[in-house]
Amino acid sequence: AITKTIFEWKPELVAVHKEAQHIAL
């Protein structure tokens, strides 16, 4: 559930810091 949530709500992470854009399957 944690893994899925991080990937499915990635845009909210990117909005905080752009390094999150590199989180990719």
PDB file of all heavy atoms in Angstrom:
ATOM      1  N   ALA A   1       0.826  -1.208   0.000  1.00  0.00           N
ATOM      2  CA  ALA A   1       0.000   0.000   0.000  1.00  0.00           C
ATOM      3  C   ALA A   1       0.863   1.262   0.000  1.00  0.00           C
ATOM      4  O   ALA A   1       0.553   2.241  -0.695  1.00  0.00           O
ATOM      5  CB  ALA A   1      -0.930  -0.004   1.211  1.00  0.00           C
ATOM      6  N   ILE A   2       1.953   1.254   0.758  1.00  0.00           N
ATOM      7  CA  ILE A   2       2.847   2.412   0.805  1.00  0.00           C
ATOM      8  C   ILE A   2       3.479   2.632  -0.570  1.00  0.00           C
ATOM      9  O   ILE A   2       3.510   3.748  -1.091  1.00  0.00           O
ATOM     10  CB  ILE A   2       3.929   2.224   1.885  1.00  0.00           C
ATOM     11  CG1 ILE A   2       3.296   2.242   3.279  1.00  0.00           C
ATOM     12  CG2 ILE A   2       4.997   3.304   1.767  1.00  0.00           C
ATOM     13  CD1 ILE A   2       4.244   1.833   4.392  1.00  0.00           C
ATOM     14  N   THR A   3       3.997   1.553  -1.150  1.00  0.00           N
ATOM     15  CA  THR A   3       4.649   1.646  -2.459  1.00  0.00           C
ATOM     16  C   THR A   3       3.673   2.167  -3.505  1.00  0.00           C
ATOM     17  O   THR A   3       3.985   3.090  -4.273  1.00  0.00           O
ATOM     18  CB  THR A   3       5.192   0.273  -2.887  1.00  0.00           C
ATOM     19  OG1 THR A   3       6.053  -0.238  -1.857  1.00  0.00           O
ATOM     20  CG2 THR A   3       5.961   0.364  -4.193  1.00  0.00           C
ATOM     21  N   LYS A   4       2.479   1.591  -3.535  1.00  0.00           N
ATOM     22  CA  LYS A   4       1.467   2.002  -4.501  1.00  0.00           C
ATOM     23  C   LYS A   4       1.099   3.471  -4.333  1.00  0.00           C
ATOM     24  O   LYS A   4       1.000   4.218  -5.326  1.00  0.00           O
ATOM     25  CB  LYS A   4       0.221   1.128  -4.330  1.00  0.00           C
ATOM     26  CG  LYS A   4      -0.913   1.479  -5.288  1.00  0.00           C
ATOM     27  CD  LYS A   4      -2.098   0.540  -5.089  1.00  0.00           C
ATOM     28  CE  LYS A   4      -3.221   0.887  -6.063  1.00  0.00           C
ATOM     29  NZ  LYS A   4      -4.393  -0.024  -5.901  1.00  0.00           N
ATOM     30  N   THR A   5       0.927   3.906  -3.105  1.00  0.00           N
ATOM     31  CA  THR A   5       0.518   5.286  -2.840  1.00  0.00           C
ATOM     32  C   THR A   5       1.587   6.272  -3.298  1.00  0.00           C
ATOM     33  O   THR A   5       1.276   7.324  -3.881  1.00  0.00           O
ATOM     34  CB  THR A   5       0.222   5.475  -1.342  1.00  0.00           C
ATOM     35  OG1 THR A   5      -0.802   4.538  -0.949  1.00  0.00           O
ATOM     36  CG2 THR A   5      -0.253   6.887  -1.049  1.00  0.00           C
ATOM     37  N   ILE A   6       2.845   5.948  -3.059  1.00  0.00           N
ATOM     38  CA  ILE A   6       3.937   6.837  -3.473  1.00  0.00           C
ATOM     39  C   ILE A   6       3.943   7.013  -4.992  1.00  0.00           C
ATOM     40  O   ILE A   6       4.080   8.134  -5.501  1.00  0.00           O
ATOM     41  CB  ILE A   6       5.289   6.298  -2.968  1.00  0.00           C
ATOM     42  CG1 ILE A   6       5.387   6.501  -1.453  1.00  0.00           C
ATOM     43  CG2 ILE A   6       6.463   6.965  -3.692  1.00  0.00           C
ATOM     44  CD1 ILE A   6       6.566   5.832  -0.807  1.00  0.00           C
ATOM     45  N   PHE A   7       3.761   5.921  -5.726  1.00  0.00           N
ATOM     46  CA  PHE A   7       3.778   6.026  -7.186  1.00  0.00           C
ATOM     47  C   PHE A   7       2.515   6.681  -7.727  1.00  0.00           C
ATOM     48  O   PHE A   7       2.582   7.500  -8.649  1.00  0.00           O
ATOM     49  CB  PHE A   7       3.973   4.636  -7.813  1.00  0.00           C
ATOM     50  CG  PHE A   7       5.404   4.200  -7.843  1.00  0.00           C
ATOM     51  CD1 PHE A   7       5.911   3.359  -6.871  1.00  0.00           C
ATOM     52  CD2 PHE A   7       6.266   4.644  -8.838  1.00  0.00           C
ATOM     53  CE1 PHE A   7       7.239   2.973  -6.880  1.00  0.00           C
ATOM     54  CE2 PHE A   7       7.594   4.268  -8.870  1.00  0.00           C
ATOM     55  CZ  PHE A   7       8.085   3.421  -7.885  1.00  0.00           C
ATOM     56  N   GLU A   8       1.370   6.350  -7.151  1.00  0.00           N
ATOM     57  CA  GLU A   8       0.122   6.864  -7.701  1.00  0.00           C
ATOM     58  C   GLU A   8      -0.112   8.335  -7.364  1.00  0.00           C
ATOM     59  O   GLU A   8      -0.868   9.015  -8.065  1.00  0.00           O
ATOM     60  CB  GLU A   8      -1.051   6.003  -7.233  1.00  0.00           C
ATOM     61  CG  GLU A   8      -0.982   4.583  -7.804  1.00  0.00           C
ATOM     62  CD  GLU A   8      -2.275   3.822  -7.662  1.00  0.00           C
ATOM     63  OE1 GLU A   8      -3.167   4.282  -6.914  1.00  0.00           O
ATOM     64  OE2 GLU A   8      -2.390   2.750  -8.298  1.00  0.00           O
ATOM     65  N   TRP A   9       0.522   8.830  -6.309  1.00  0.00           N
ATOM     66  CA  TRP A   9       0.355  10.234  -5.928  1.00  0.00           C
ATOM     67  C   TRP A   9       1.662  11.005  -6.072  1.00  0.00           C
ATOM     68  O   TRP A   9       1.876  12.025  -5.415  1.00  0.00           O
ATOM     69  CB  TRP A   9      -0.208  10.327  -4.511  1.00  0.00           C
ATOM     70  CG  TRP A   9      -1.568   9.727  -4.418  1.00  0.00           C
ATOM     71  CD1 TRP A   9      -1.887   8.480  -4.005  1.00  0.00           C
ATOM     72  CD2 TRP A   9      -2.801  10.335  -4.812  1.00  0.00           C
ATOM     73  NE1 TRP A   9      -3.247   8.258  -4.100  1.00  0.00           N
ATOM     74  CE2 TRP A   9      -3.829   9.392  -4.588  1.00  0.00           C
ATOM     75  CE3 TRP A   9      -3.144  11.596  -5.318  1.00  0.00           C
ATOM     76  CZ2 TRP A   9      -5.161   9.662  -4.866  1.00  0.00           C
ATOM     77  CZ3 TRP A   9      -4.477  11.863  -5.591  1.00  0.00           C
ATOM     78  CH2 TRP A   9      -5.465  10.910  -5.369  1.00  0.00           C
ATOM     79  N   LYS A  10       2.499  10.519  -6.972  1.00  0.00           N
ATOM     80  CA  LYS A  10       3.791  11.164  -7.236  1.00  0.00           C
ATOM     81  C   LYS A  10       3.676  12.660  -7.538  1.00  0.00           C
ATOM     82  O   LYS A  10       4.519  13.444  -7.067  1.00  0.00           O
ATOM     83  CB  LYS A  10       4.496  10.424  -8.379  1.00  0.00           C
ATOM     84  CG  LYS A  10       5.769  11.077  -8.870  1.00  0.00           C
ATOM     85  CD  LYS A  10       6.375  10.277 -10.024  1.00  0.00           C
ATOM     86  CE  LYS A  10       7.417  11.053 -10.782  1.00  0.00           C
ATOM     87  NZ  LYS A  10       8.009  10.273 -11.896  1.00  0.00           N
ATOM     88  N   PRO A  11       2.692  13.127  -8.315  1.00  0.00           N
ATOM     89  CA  PRO A  11       2.612  14.569  -8.578  1.00  0.00           C
ATOM     90  C   PRO A  11       2.587  15.421  -7.315  1.00  0.00           C
ATOM     91  O   PRO A  11       3.103  16.546  -7.307  1.00  0.00           O
ATOM     92  CB  PRO A  11       1.322  14.709  -9.381  1.00  0.00           C
ATOM     93  CG  PRO A  11       1.181  13.389 -10.076  1.00  0.00           C
ATOM     94  CD  PRO A  11       1.668  12.374  -9.083  1.00  0.00           C
ATOM     95  N   GLU A  12       1.996  14.923  -6.239  1.00  0.00           N
ATOM     96  CA  GLU A  12       1.966  15.687  -4.993  1.00  0.00           C
ATOM     97  C   GLU A  12       3.359  15.761  -4.371  1.00  0.00           C
ATOM     98  O   GLU A  12       3.686  16.733  -3.673  1.00  0.00           O
ATOM     99  CB  GLU A  12       0.959  15.077  -4.012  1.00  0.00           C
ATOM    100  CG  GLU A  12      -0.478  15.182  -4.499  1.00  0.00           C
ATOM    101  CD  GLU A  12      -1.503  14.797  -3.451  1.00  0.00           C
ATOM    102  OE1 GLU A  12      -1.118  14.685  -2.255  1.00  0.00           O
ATOM    103  OE2 GLU A  12      -2.681  14.617  -3.812  1.00  0.00           O
ATOM    104  N   LEU A  13       4.179  14.750  -4.596  1.00  0.00           N
ATOM    105  CA  LEU A  13       5.564  14.775  -4.115  1.00  0.00           C
ATOM    106  C   LEU A  13       6.393  15.760  -4.940  1.00  0.00           C
ATOM    107  O   LEU A  13       7.181  16.533  -4.398  1.00  0.00           O
ATOM    108  CB  LEU A  13       6.186  13.382  -4.180  1.00  0.00           C
ATOM    109  CG  LEU A  13       5.458  12.258  -3.444  1.00  0.00           C
ATOM    110  CD1 LEU A  13       6.212  10.933  -3.613  1.00  0.00           C
ATOM    111  CD2 LEU A  13       5.303  12.584  -1.965  1.00  0.00           C
ATOM    112  N   VAL A  14       6.203  15.731  -6.256  1.00  0.00           N
ATOM    113  CA  VAL A  14       6.948  16.624  -7.153  1.00  0.00           C
ATOM    114  C   VAL A  14       6.621  18.080  -6.842  1.00  0.00           C
ATOM    115  O   VAL A  14       7.488  18.961  -6.950  1.00  0.00           O
ATOM    116  CB  VAL A  14       6.633  16.303  -8.629  1.00  0.00           C
ATOM    117  CG1 VAL A  14       7.311  17.293  -9.561  1.00  0.00           C
ATOM    118  CG2 VAL A  14       7.065  14.877  -8.967  1.00  0.00           C
ATOM    119  N   ALA A  15       5.389  18.335  -6.426  1.00  0.00           N
ATOM    120  CA  ALA A  15       4.987  19.700  -6.092  1.00  0.00           C
ATOM    121  C   ALA A  15       5.766  20.251  -4.905  1.00  0.00           C
ATOM    122  O   ALA A  15       5.929  21.469  -4.767  1.00  0.00           O
ATOM    123  CB  ALA A  15       3.485  19.749  -5.798  1.00  0.00           C
ATOM    124  N   VAL A  16       6.267  19.356  -4.055  1.00  0.00           N
ATOM    125  CA  VAL A  16       7.049  19.771  -2.891  1.00  0.00           C
ATOM    126  C   VAL A  16       8.527  19.891  -3.235  1.00  0.00           C
ATOM    127  O   VAL A  16       9.197  20.835  -2.830  1.00  0.00           O
ATOM    128  CB  VAL A  16       6.843  18.793  -1.719  1.00  0.00           C
ATOM    129  CG1 VAL A  16       7.792  19.109  -0.559  1.00  0.00           C
ATOM    130  CG2 VAL A  16       5.400  18.830  -1.255  1.00  0.00           C
ATOM    131  N   HIS A  17       9.060  18.909  -3.971  1.00  0.00           N
ATOM    132  CA  HIS A  17      10.456  18.986  -4.413  1.00  0.00           C
ATOM    133  C   HIS A  17      10.612  18.274  -5.745  1.00  0.00           C
ATOM    134  O   HIS A  17      10.176  17.138  -5.899  1.00  0.00           O
ATOM    135  CB  HIS A  17      11.418  18.376  -3.384  1.00  0.00           C
ATOM    136  CG  HIS A  17      12.825  18.872  -3.548  1.00  0.00           C
ATOM    137  ND1 HIS A  17      13.626  18.501  -4.602  1.00  0.00           N
ATOM    138  CD2 HIS A  17      13.552  19.737  -2.801  1.00  0.00           C
ATOM    139  CE1 HIS A  17      14.798  19.113  -4.492  1.00  0.00           C
ATOM    140  NE2 HIS A  17      14.783  19.862  -3.412  1.00  0.00           N
ATOM    141  N   LYS A  18      11.282  18.943  -6.680  1.00  0.00           N
ATOM    142  CA  LYS A  18      11.352  18.429  -8.043  1.00  0.00           C
ATOM    143  C   LYS A  18      12.167  17.147  -8.169  1.00  0.00           C
ATOM    144  O   LYS A  18      12.042  16.433  -9.169  1.00  0.00           O
ATOM    145  CB  LYS A  18      11.890  19.485  -8.995  1.00  0.00           C
ATOM    146  CG  LYS A  18      13.358  19.841  -8.821  1.00  0.00           C
ATOM    147  CD  LYS A  18      13.775  20.864  -9.867  1.00  0.00           C
ATOM    148  CE  LYS A  18      15.255  21.152  -9.833  1.00  0.00           C
ATOM    149  NZ  LYS A  18      15.653  22.127 -10.876  1.00  0.00           N
ATOM    150  N   GLU A  19      12.998  16.791  -7.163  1.00  0.00           N
ATOM    151  CA  GLU A  19      13.743  15.528  -7.242  1.00  0.00           C
ATOM    152  C   GLU A  19      12.787  14.333  -7.299  1.00  0.00           C
ATOM    153  O   GLU A  19      13.145  13.268  -7.797  1.00  0.00           O
ATOM    154  CB  GLU A  19      14.706  15.380  -6.069  1.00  0.00           C
ATOM    155  CG  GLU A  19      15.959  16.239  -6.161  1.00  0.00           C
ATOM    156  CD  GLU A  19      16.931  15.787  -7.230  1.00  0.00           C
ATOM    157  OE1 GLU A  19      16.615  14.858  -7.993  1.00  0.00           O
ATOM    158  OE2 GLU A  19      18.031  16.372  -7.311  1.00  0.00           O
ATOM    159  N   ALA A  20      11.569  14.512  -6.802  1.00  0.00           N
ATOM    160  CA  ALA A  20      10.593  13.421  -6.829  1.00  0.00           C
ATOM    161  C   ALA A  20      10.206  13.022  -8.242  1.00  0.00           C
ATOM    162  O   ALA A  20       9.680  11.922  -8.459  1.00  0.00           O
ATOM    163  CB  ALA A  20       9.346  13.803  -6.029  1.00  0.00           C
ATOM    164  N   GLN A  21      10.487  13.882  -9.232  1.00  0.00           N
ATOM    165  CA  GLN A  21      10.157  13.531 -10.613  1.00  0.00           C
ATOM    166  C   GLN A  21      10.967  12.334 -11.106  1.00  0.00           C
ATOM    167  O   GLN A  21      10.605  11.683 -12.081  1.00  0.00           O
ATOM    168  CB  GLN A  21      10.399  14.728 -11.530  1.00  0.00           C
ATOM    169  CG  GLN A  21      11.843  15.138 -11.683  1.00  0.00           C
ATOM    170  CD  GLN A  21      12.019  16.479 -12.385  1.00  0.00           C
ATOM    171  OE1 GLN A  21      11.074  16.996 -12.959  1.00  0.00           O
ATOM    172  NE2 GLN A  21      13.210  17.031 -12.315  1.00  0.00           N
ATOM    173  N   HIS A  22      12.074  12.014 -10.404  1.00  0.00           N
ATOM    174  CA  HIS A  22      12.919  10.886 -10.814  1.00  0.00           C
ATOM    175  C   HIS A  22      12.427   9.551 -10.264  1.00  0.00           C
ATOM    176  O   HIS A  22      13.018   8.508 -10.578  1.00  0.00           O
ATOM    177  CB  HIS A  22      14.359  11.131 -10.371  1.00  0.00           C
ATOM    178  CG  HIS A  22      14.961  12.377 -10.966  1.00  0.00           C
ATOM    179  ND1 HIS A  22      15.151  12.538 -12.319  1.00  0.00           N
ATOM    180  CD2 HIS A  22      15.372  13.539 -10.389  1.00  0.00           C
ATOM    181  CE1 HIS A  22      15.682  13.727 -12.558  1.00  0.00           C
ATOM    182  NE2 HIS A  22      15.808  14.356 -11.406  1.00  0.00           N
ATOM    183  N   ILE A  23      11.409   9.563  -9.443  1.00  0.00           N
ATOM    184  CA  ILE A  23      10.834   8.312  -8.945  1.00  0.00           C
ATOM    185  C   ILE A  23      10.069   7.658 -10.092  1.00  0.00           C
ATOM    186  O   ILE A  23       9.029   8.153 -10.522  1.00  0.00           O
ATOM    187  CB  ILE A  23       9.890   8.561  -7.747  1.00  0.00           C
ATOM    188  CG1 ILE A  23      10.638   9.267  -6.606  1.00  0.00           C
ATOM    189  CG2 ILE A  23       9.302   7.243  -7.252  1.00  0.00           C
ATOM    190  CD1 ILE A  23       9.729   9.707  -5.472  1.00  0.00           C
ATOM    191  N   ALA A  24      10.613   6.575 -10.613  1.00  0.00           N
ATOM    192  CA  ALA A  24      10.037   5.968 -11.822  1.00  0.00           C
ATOM    193  C   ALA A  24      10.078   4.449 -11.728  1.00  0.00           C
ATOM    194  O   ALA A  24      11.048   3.875 -11.212  1.00  0.00           O
ATOM    195  CB  ALA A  24      10.809   6.433 -13.055  1.00  0.00           C
ATOM    196  N   LEU A  25       9.030   3.805 -12.245  1.00  0.00           N
ATOM    197  CA  LEU A  25       8.973   2.341 -12.211  1.00  0.00           C
ATOM    198  C   LEU A  25      10.161   1.713 -12.931  1.00  0.00           C
ATOM    199  O   LEU A  25      10.710   0.697 -12.487  1.00  0.00           O
ATOM    200  CB  LEU A  25       7.667   1.849 -12.839  1.00  0.00           C
ATOM    201  CG  LEU A  25       6.425   1.920 -11.946  1.00  0.00           C
ATOM    202  CD1 LEU A  25       5.175   1.685 -12.772  1.00  0.00           C
ATOM    203  CD2 LEU A  25       6.526   0.902 -10.813  1.00  0.00           C
TER     204      LEU A  25
END
